Amino acid sequence: MSNTKTAFPLYYRGKPLVRNNDTIFFGDMKDPYVIKLQIKSKENSNNLDCANKVTIQLLSTDTEISARKQIIKTGEKENLAVALDLAVAWLERELAKSSEK
């Protein structure tokens, strides 16, 4: 298997999806909010590592506020698919609120 990196980002529901080890960022950094998914634990299923504990954080991209205040909402789910679905809902809701202002 080659170690080459792809020149294009992955997209999910029209938003960039970027992974670094067990951390996944979902959303565009130009938007007021993004999602951070952190895989906390994995289990081996048919020789594949599957996430079985994922934390979700809705983050503000405003660099003027402290890191603690950038965390708007947090949660935890039992697998990556459910966590990503919840992340999409949170992000779309917050982006809709911010565009109304």
Foldseek 3Di string as FASTA:
>chain_A
DDPDDDPDFDADPRWGWDDDVQWIKTHDLVAQKIKIKGQPAWDADPNDTFGQKIKMFIFGSDPVDDRVVRTDDMDMGGGDVVRVVVRVVVVVVVRVVVVVD
